[in-house]
C-alpha atoms as a PDB file:
ATOM      1  CA  MET A   1     -14.703 -21.260  40.724  1.00  0.00           C
ATOM      2  CA  ASP A   2     -12.823 -24.194  42.296  1.00  0.00           C
ATOM      3  CA  ALA A   3      -9.943 -25.891  40.604  1.00  0.00           C
ATOM      4  CA  LEU A   4     -12.300 -28.252  39.222  1.00  0.00           C
ATOM      5  CA  SER A   5     -14.376 -26.135  37.144  1.00  0.00           C
ATOM      6  CA  LEU A   6     -11.666 -24.120  35.838  1.00  0.00           C
ATOM      7  CA  LEU A   7      -9.667 -27.039  34.781  1.00  0.00           C
ATOM      8  CA  GLN A   8     -12.476 -28.320  33.322  1.00  0.00           C
ATOM      9  CA  MET A   9     -13.262 -25.232  31.355  1.00  0.00           C
ATOM     10  CA  THR A  10      -9.881 -24.899  30.148  1.00  0.00           C
ATOM     11  CA  GLU A  11     -10.009 -28.816  28.343  1.00  0.00           C
ATOM     12  CA  THR A  12     -13.417 -27.133  27.092  1.00  0.00           C
ATOM     13  CA  ARG A  13     -11.803 -24.520  25.198  1.00  0.00           C
ATOM     14  CA  SER A  14      -8.596 -26.239  23.928  1.00  0.00           C
ATOM     15  CA  ALA A  15     -11.210 -29.115  22.112  1.00  0.00           C
ATOM     16  CA  SER A  16     -12.956 -26.473  20.914  1.00  0.00           C
ATOM     17  CA  ILE A  17      -9.370 -24.569  19.770  1.00  0.00           C
ATOM     18  CA  THR A  18      -8.127 -28.140  18.363  1.00  0.00           C
ATOM     19  CA  GLU A  19     -11.944 -28.586  16.058  1.00  0.00           C
ATOM     20  CA  VAL A  20     -11.384 -25.078  15.195  1.00  0.00           C
ATOM     21  CA  VAL A  21      -8.377 -26.159  13.078  1.00  0.00           C
ATOM     22  CA  LYS A  22      -9.018 -29.428  12.627  1.00  0.00           C
ATOM     23  CA  ASN A  23     -12.066 -28.469  10.664  1.00  0.00           C
ATOM     24  CA  TYR A  24     -10.745 -25.010   9.253  1.00  0.00           C
ATOM     25  CA  GLY A  25      -7.074 -25.092   8.677  1.00  0.00           C
ATOM     26  CA  SER A  26      -6.896 -26.345   5.165  1.00  0.00           C
ATOM     27  CA  GLN A  27      -9.162 -24.167   3.694  1.00  0.00           C
ATOM     28  CA  LEU A  28      -7.375 -21.256   5.331  1.00  0.00           C
ATOM     29  CA  LEU A  29      -3.929 -21.900   4.551  1.00  0.00           C
ATOM     30  CA  ARG A  30      -5.664 -22.507   0.716  1.00  0.00           C
ATOM     31  CA  PHE A  31      -7.037 -19.383   0.848  1.00  0.00           C
ATOM     32  CA  ILE A  32      -4.380 -17.540   2.392  1.00  0.00           C
ATOM     33  CA  ASN A  33      -1.933 -18.926  -0.478  1.00  0.00           C
ATOM     34  CA  SER A  34      -4.463 -17.973  -2.889  1.00  0.00           C
ATOM     35  CA  LYS A  35      -3.567 -14.064  -1.812  1.00  0.00           C
ATOM     36  CA  VAL A  36       0.080 -14.425  -0.573  1.00  0.00           C
ATOM     37  CA  ALA A  37       3.132 -15.163  -3.393  1.00  0.00           C
ATOM     38  CA  LYS A  38       5.178 -17.402  -0.545  1.00  0.00           C
ATOM     39  CA  THR A  39       4.037 -20.333   1.185  1.00  0.00           C
ATOM     40  CA  GLU A  40       5.939 -19.350   4.190  1.00  0.00           C
ATOM     41  CA  ASP A  41       4.117 -15.986   4.061  1.00  0.00           C
ATOM     42  CA  ALA A  42       0.992 -17.894   3.678  1.00  0.00           C
ATOM     43  CA  GLU A  43       2.364 -20.242   6.883  1.00  0.00           C
ATOM     44  CA  ASP A  44       3.321 -17.266   9.046  1.00  0.00           C
ATOM     45  CA  ILE A  45      -0.021 -15.473   8.457  1.00  0.00           C
ATOM     46  CA  LEU A  46      -2.160 -18.600   9.612  1.00  0.00           C
ATOM     47  CA  GLN A  47      -0.443 -19.029  12.548  1.00  0.00           C
ATOM     48  CA  GLU A  48      -0.788 -15.410  13.563  1.00  0.00           C
ATOM     49  CA  VAL A  49      -4.843 -16.329  12.999  1.00  0.00           C
ATOM     50  CA  TRP A  50      -4.436 -19.295  15.191  1.00  0.00           C
ATOM     51  CA  PHE A  51      -2.376 -17.585  18.014  1.00  0.00           C
ATOM     52  CA  GLN A  52      -5.753 -14.513  18.167  1.00  0.00           C
ATOM     53  CA  THR A  53      -7.971 -17.167  17.679  1.00  0.00           C
ATOM     54  CA  SER A  54      -6.464 -18.808  20.573  1.00  0.00           C
ATOM     55  CA  ARG A  55      -6.616 -15.526  22.937  1.00  0.00           C
ATOM     56  CA  LEU A  56     -10.324 -15.562  23.039  1.00  0.00           C
ATOM     57  CA  THR A  57     -12.118 -16.484  26.111  1.00  0.00           C
ATOM     58  CA  ASN A  58     -14.874 -18.844  24.321  1.00  0.00           C
ATOM     59  CA  LEU A  59     -14.928 -19.207  21.327  1.00  0.00           C
ATOM     60  CA  ASN A  60     -18.719 -20.778  21.260  1.00  0.00           C
ATOM     61  CA  GLU A  61     -19.929 -17.262  22.218  1.00  0.00           C
ATOM     62  CA  LEU A  62     -18.849 -16.647  18.112  1.00  0.00           C
ATOM     63  CA  GLU A  63     -22.236 -16.513  16.165  1.00  0.00           C
ATOM     64  CA  ASN A  64     -20.419 -18.125  12.972  1.00  0.00           C
ATOM     65  CA  VAL A  65     -16.522 -19.061  13.307  1.00  0.00           C
ATOM     66  CA  GLY A  66     -16.025 -19.739   9.770  1.00  0.00           C
ATOM     67  CA  ALA A  67     -17.369 -16.030   9.076  1.00  0.00           C
ATOM     68  CA  TRP A  68     -15.062 -14.406  12.099  1.00  0.00           C
ATOM     69  CA  LEU A  69     -11.803 -16.764  11.122  1.00  0.00           C
ATOM     70  CA  TYR A  70     -12.234 -15.891   7.284  1.00  0.00           C
ATOM     71  CA  SER A  71     -12.564 -12.231   8.502  1.00  0.00           C
ATOM     72  CA  VAL A  72      -8.963 -12.285  10.619  1.00  0.00           C
ATOM     73  CA  THR A  73      -7.574 -13.904   7.742  1.00  0.00           C
ATOM     74  CA  ARG A  74      -8.197 -10.923   5.497  1.00  0.00           C
ATOM     75  CA  ASN A  75      -7.215  -8.343   8.291  1.00  0.00           C
ATOM     76  CA  LYS A  76      -3.447 -10.644   8.130  1.00  0.00           C
ATOM     77  CA  ILE A  77      -3.124 -10.710   4.779  1.00  0.00           C
ATOM     78  CA  ILE A  78      -3.705  -7.220   4.604  1.00  0.00           C
ATOM     79  CA  ASP A  79      -1.576  -6.389   7.865  1.00  0.00           C
ATOM     80  CA  SER A  80       1.707  -8.640   6.187  1.00  0.00           C
ATOM     81  CA  TYR A  81       0.821  -6.392   2.981  1.00  0.00           C
ATOM     82  CA  ARG A  82       1.233  -3.175   4.469  1.00  0.00           C
ATOM     83  CA  LYS A  83       4.164  -4.429   6.791  1.00  0.00           C
ATOM     84  CA  LYS A  84       6.626  -4.923   3.453  1.00  0.00           C
ATOM     85  CA  LYS A  85       8.959  -2.159   3.302  1.00  0.00           C
ATOM     86  CA  THR A  86      11.272  -3.302   0.181  1.00  0.00           C
ATOM     87  CA  GLU A  87       9.394  -5.354  -2.562  1.00  0.00           C
ATOM     88  CA  SER A  88      10.688  -6.916  -5.533  1.00  0.00           C
ATOM     89  CA  LEU A  89       8.615  -8.217  -8.933  1.00  0.00           C
ATOM     90  CA  GLU A  90       9.023 -11.740  -7.197  1.00  0.00           C
ATOM     91  CA  ASP A  91       6.892 -10.389  -4.253  1.00  0.00           C
ATOM     92  CA  PHE A  92       3.987  -9.739  -6.699  1.00  0.00           C
ATOM     93  CA  VAL A  93       4.168 -12.533  -9.155  1.00  0.00           C
ATOM     94  CA  TYR A  94       2.303 -15.812  -8.190  1.00  0.00           C
ATOM     95  CA  GLN A  95       0.659 -18.648 -10.125  1.00  0.00           C
ATOM     96  CA  ASP A  96      -3.253 -18.845  -9.178  1.00  0.00           C
ATOM     97  CA  GLU A  97      -5.013 -22.253  -9.179  1.00  0.00           C
ATOM     98  CA  ASP A  98      -4.759 -22.647 -12.662  1.00  0.00           C
ATOM     99  CA  GLY A  99      -1.435 -22.519 -12.996  1.00  0.00           C
ATOM    100  CA  GLU A 100      -1.311 -18.752 -14.403  1.00  0.00           C
ATOM    101  CA  LEU A 101       1.212 -16.270 -13.850  1.00  0.00           C
ATOM    102  CA  ASN A 102      -0.773 -13.042 -12.180  1.00  0.00           C
ATOM    103  CA  VAL A 103       0.871  -9.624 -12.904  1.00  0.00           C
ATOM    104  CA  LYS A 104      -2.016  -7.682 -12.001  1.00  0.00           C
ATOM    105  CA  ASP A 105      -0.521  -7.050  -8.992  1.00  0.00           C
ATOM    106  CA  ILE A 106       2.563  -5.799 -10.592  1.00  0.00           C
ATOM    107  CA  LEU A 107       0.809  -3.243 -12.757  1.00  0.00           C
ATOM    108  CA  LEU A 108      -1.099  -1.563  -9.790  1.00  0.00           C
ATOM    109  CA  ALA A 109       2.026  -1.814  -7.771  1.00  0.00           C
ATOM    110  CA  ASP A 110       3.618   1.881  -6.284  1.00  0.00           C
ATOM    111  CA  ASP A 111       6.996   1.870  -8.075  1.00  0.00           C
ATOM    112  CA  SER A 112       7.682   5.103  -6.839  1.00  0.00           C
ATOM    113  CA  ASN A 113      10.794   3.915  -4.534  1.00  0.00           C
ATOM    114  CA  ASN A 114      11.324   0.325  -6.737  1.00  0.00           C
ATOM    115  CA  PRO A 115      12.664   0.830 -10.039  1.00  0.00           C
ATOM    116  CA  GLU A 116      12.657  -3.075 -11.241  1.00  0.00           C
ATOM    117  CA  VAL A 117       8.667  -2.668 -10.435  1.00  0.00           C
ATOM    118  CA  GLY A 118       8.497   0.124 -12.669  1.00  0.00           C
ATOM    119  CA  MET A 119      11.086  -0.984 -15.347  1.00  0.00           C
ATOM    120  CA  PHE A 120       8.824  -4.386 -15.795  1.00  0.00           C
ATOM    121  CA  LYS A 121       5.782  -1.814 -15.910  1.00  0.00           C
ATOM    122  CA  ASP A 122       6.609   0.031 -18.295  1.00  0.00           C
ATOM    123  CA  LEU A 123       8.029  -3.326 -20.443  1.00  0.00           C
ATOM    124  CA  PHE A 124       4.745  -5.119 -19.806  1.00  0.00           C
ATOM    125  CA  TRP A 125       2.346  -2.012 -20.955  1.00  0.00           C
ATOM    126  CA  GLU A 126       4.770  -1.387 -24.121  1.00  0.00           C
ATOM    127  CA  GLU A 127       4.461  -4.862 -25.206  1.00  0.00           C
ATOM    128  CA  LEU A 128       1.001  -4.719 -24.513  1.00  0.00           C
ATOM    129  CA  MET A 129      -0.074  -2.108 -26.509  1.00  0.00           C
ATOM    130  CA  LYS A 130       2.535  -3.401 -29.598  1.00  0.00           C
ATOM    131  CA  ALA A 131       0.475  -6.899 -29.560  1.00  0.00           C
ATOM    132  CA  LEU A 132      -2.541  -5.086 -29.077  1.00  0.00           C
ATOM    133  CA  GLU A 133      -2.170  -3.369 -33.032  1.00  0.00           C
ATOM    134  CA  GLU A 134      -1.704  -6.113 -34.504  1.00  0.00           C
ATOM    135  CA  LEU A 135      -5.171  -7.394 -33.315  1.00  0.00           C
ATOM    136  CA  PRO A 136      -8.490  -7.207 -35.266  1.00  0.00           C
ATOM    137  CA  GLU A 137     -10.255  -3.957 -34.817  1.00  0.00           C
ATOM    138  CA  LYS A 138     -13.336  -6.001 -33.550  1.00  0.00           C
ATOM    139  CA  GLN A 139     -10.801  -8.109 -31.482  1.00  0.00           C
ATOM    140  CA  LYS A 140      -9.046  -4.973 -29.882  1.00  0.00           C
ATOM    141  CA  ARG A 141     -12.346  -2.848 -29.115  1.00  0.00           C
ATOM    142  CA  VAL A 142     -13.866  -6.068 -27.263  1.00  0.00           C
ATOM    143  CA  TYR A 143     -10.860  -6.502 -25.152  1.00  0.00           C
ATOM    144  CA  VAL A 144     -10.076  -3.279 -24.237  1.00  0.00           C
ATOM    145  CA  GLN A 145     -13.263  -2.684 -23.143  1.00  0.00           C
ATOM    146  CA  ASN A 146     -13.493  -5.712 -20.826  1.00  0.00           C
ATOM    147  CA  GLU A 147     -10.254  -5.712 -19.754  1.00  0.00           C
ATOM    148  CA  LEU A 148      -9.260  -2.158 -19.289  1.00  0.00           C
ATOM    149  CA  GLU A 149     -12.475  -0.434 -19.189  1.00  0.00           C
ATOM    150  CA  ASP A 150     -14.166  -3.177 -16.704  1.00  0.00           C
ATOM    151  CA  LYS A 151     -17.408  -3.002 -19.666  1.00  0.00           C
ATOM    152  CA  THR A 152     -19.278  -6.770 -19.440  1.00  0.00           C
ATOM    153  CA  LEU A 153     -19.145  -8.972 -22.147  1.00  0.00           C
ATOM    154  CA  GLN A 154     -22.903  -8.386 -21.837  1.00  0.00           C
ATOM    155  CA  GLU A 155     -22.519  -4.510 -22.274  1.00  0.00           C
ATOM    156  CA  ILE A 156     -20.066  -4.650 -24.916  1.00  0.00           C
ATOM    157  CA  ALA A 157     -22.688  -7.331 -27.034  1.00  0.00           C
ATOM    158  CA  ASP A 158     -25.480  -4.665 -26.352  1.00  0.00           C
ATOM    159  CA  ALA A 159     -23.327  -1.371 -27.465  1.00  0.00           C
ATOM    160  CA  GLU A 160     -22.522  -3.564 -30.225  1.00  0.00           C
ATOM    161  CA  GLY A 161     -25.467  -4.356 -31.284  1.00  0.00           C
ATOM    162  CA  GLU A 162     -23.669  -8.096 -31.840  1.00  0.00           C
ATOM    163  CA  ASN A 163     -24.735 -11.843 -30.141  1.00  0.00           C
ATOM    164  CA  ILE A 164     -23.018 -12.531 -26.950  1.00  0.00           C
ATOM    165  CA  LYS A 165     -21.494 -15.147 -28.307  1.00  0.00           C
ATOM    166  CA  THR A 166     -19.589 -13.323 -30.940  1.00  0.00           C
ATOM    167  CA  ILE A 167     -18.522 -11.088 -28.132  1.00  0.00           C
ATOM    168  CA  ILE A 168     -17.354 -14.084 -25.929  1.00  0.00           C
ATOM    169  CA  SER A 169     -15.355 -15.646 -29.973  1.00  0.00           C
ATOM    170  CA  ARG A 170     -13.647 -12.377 -30.568  1.00  0.00           C
ATOM    171  CA  LYS A 171     -12.468 -11.495 -26.786  1.00  0.00           C
ATOM    172  CA  SER A 172     -11.172 -15.562 -26.832  1.00  0.00           C
ATOM    173  CA  TYR A 173      -8.961 -15.108 -30.053  1.00  0.00           C
ATOM    174  CA  ALA A 174      -8.073 -11.704 -28.610  1.00  0.00           C
ATOM    175  CA  VAL A 175      -6.272 -13.525 -25.420  1.00  0.00           C
ATOM    176  CA  LYS A 176      -5.129 -16.120 -27.674  1.00  0.00           C
ATOM    177  CA  HIS A 177      -2.647 -13.826 -29.102  1.00  0.00           C
ATOM    178  CA  LEU A 178      -2.323 -11.981 -26.373  1.00  0.00           C
ATOM    179  CA  ARG A 179      -0.630 -14.827 -24.123  1.00  0.00           C
ATOM    180  CA  LYS A 180       1.314 -15.561 -27.535  1.00  0.00           C
ATOM    181  CA  LYS A 181       2.783 -12.610 -27.902  1.00  0.00           C
ATOM    182  CA  MET A 182       3.881 -11.807 -24.009  1.00  0.00           C
ATOM    183  CA  GLN A 183       4.876 -15.596 -23.228  1.00  0.00           C
ATOM    184  CA  ARG A 184       8.282 -14.076 -23.713  1.00  0.00           C
ATOM    185  CA  LEU A 185       7.816 -11.658 -20.948  1.00  0.00           C
ATOM    186  CA  TYR A 186       6.161 -14.034 -18.832  1.00  0.00           C
ATOM    187  CA  ASN A 187       8.919 -16.728 -19.039  1.00  0.00           C
ATOM    188  CA  ASP A 188      11.597 -13.747 -18.403  1.00  0.00           C
ATOM    189  CA  LEU A 189       9.561 -12.894 -14.816  1.00  0.00           C
ATOM    190  CA  LYS A 190       8.941 -16.605 -14.035  1.00  0.00           C
ATOM    191  CA  ASN A 191      12.705 -17.038 -14.294  1.00  0.00           C
END
């Protein structure tokens, strides 16, 4: 291969990577941001994705560049979680697209090496159980079955012999009540 052919191949490869970054950069960053707590972490993960992409000899050999990029990105996100040695509550807390505070990751976290996470989990469950006890029985049952037992609202409606709209309404009232009762805890967690 002569020098001109090698130069043309390198220029084509650079143009391809530039196009990929241009076409997928903001999408991938939004995707990563929805999965990690800190913007800096998201940017670092995206940088790792671009580094891995730049190591490919020929992007044109990929059947679906987008699918490949998302697969690499998911793997990099998983790798970043595995690398974390010490975790604090703020590592688990983030706001989703709707601005709602997500604490599910805290509740599922291994708290064996982190007393702060363990204390928060205990407090959260204690407050949730108190708030659930205040609900009318039917609202409480719908919420528990849907959120804690992973039953669909349709499954609950069928089992209760109720209209799906009635079940949706019960769940909605339960959620509003729980949000109001848990607001102090959410505010403490945000601050």
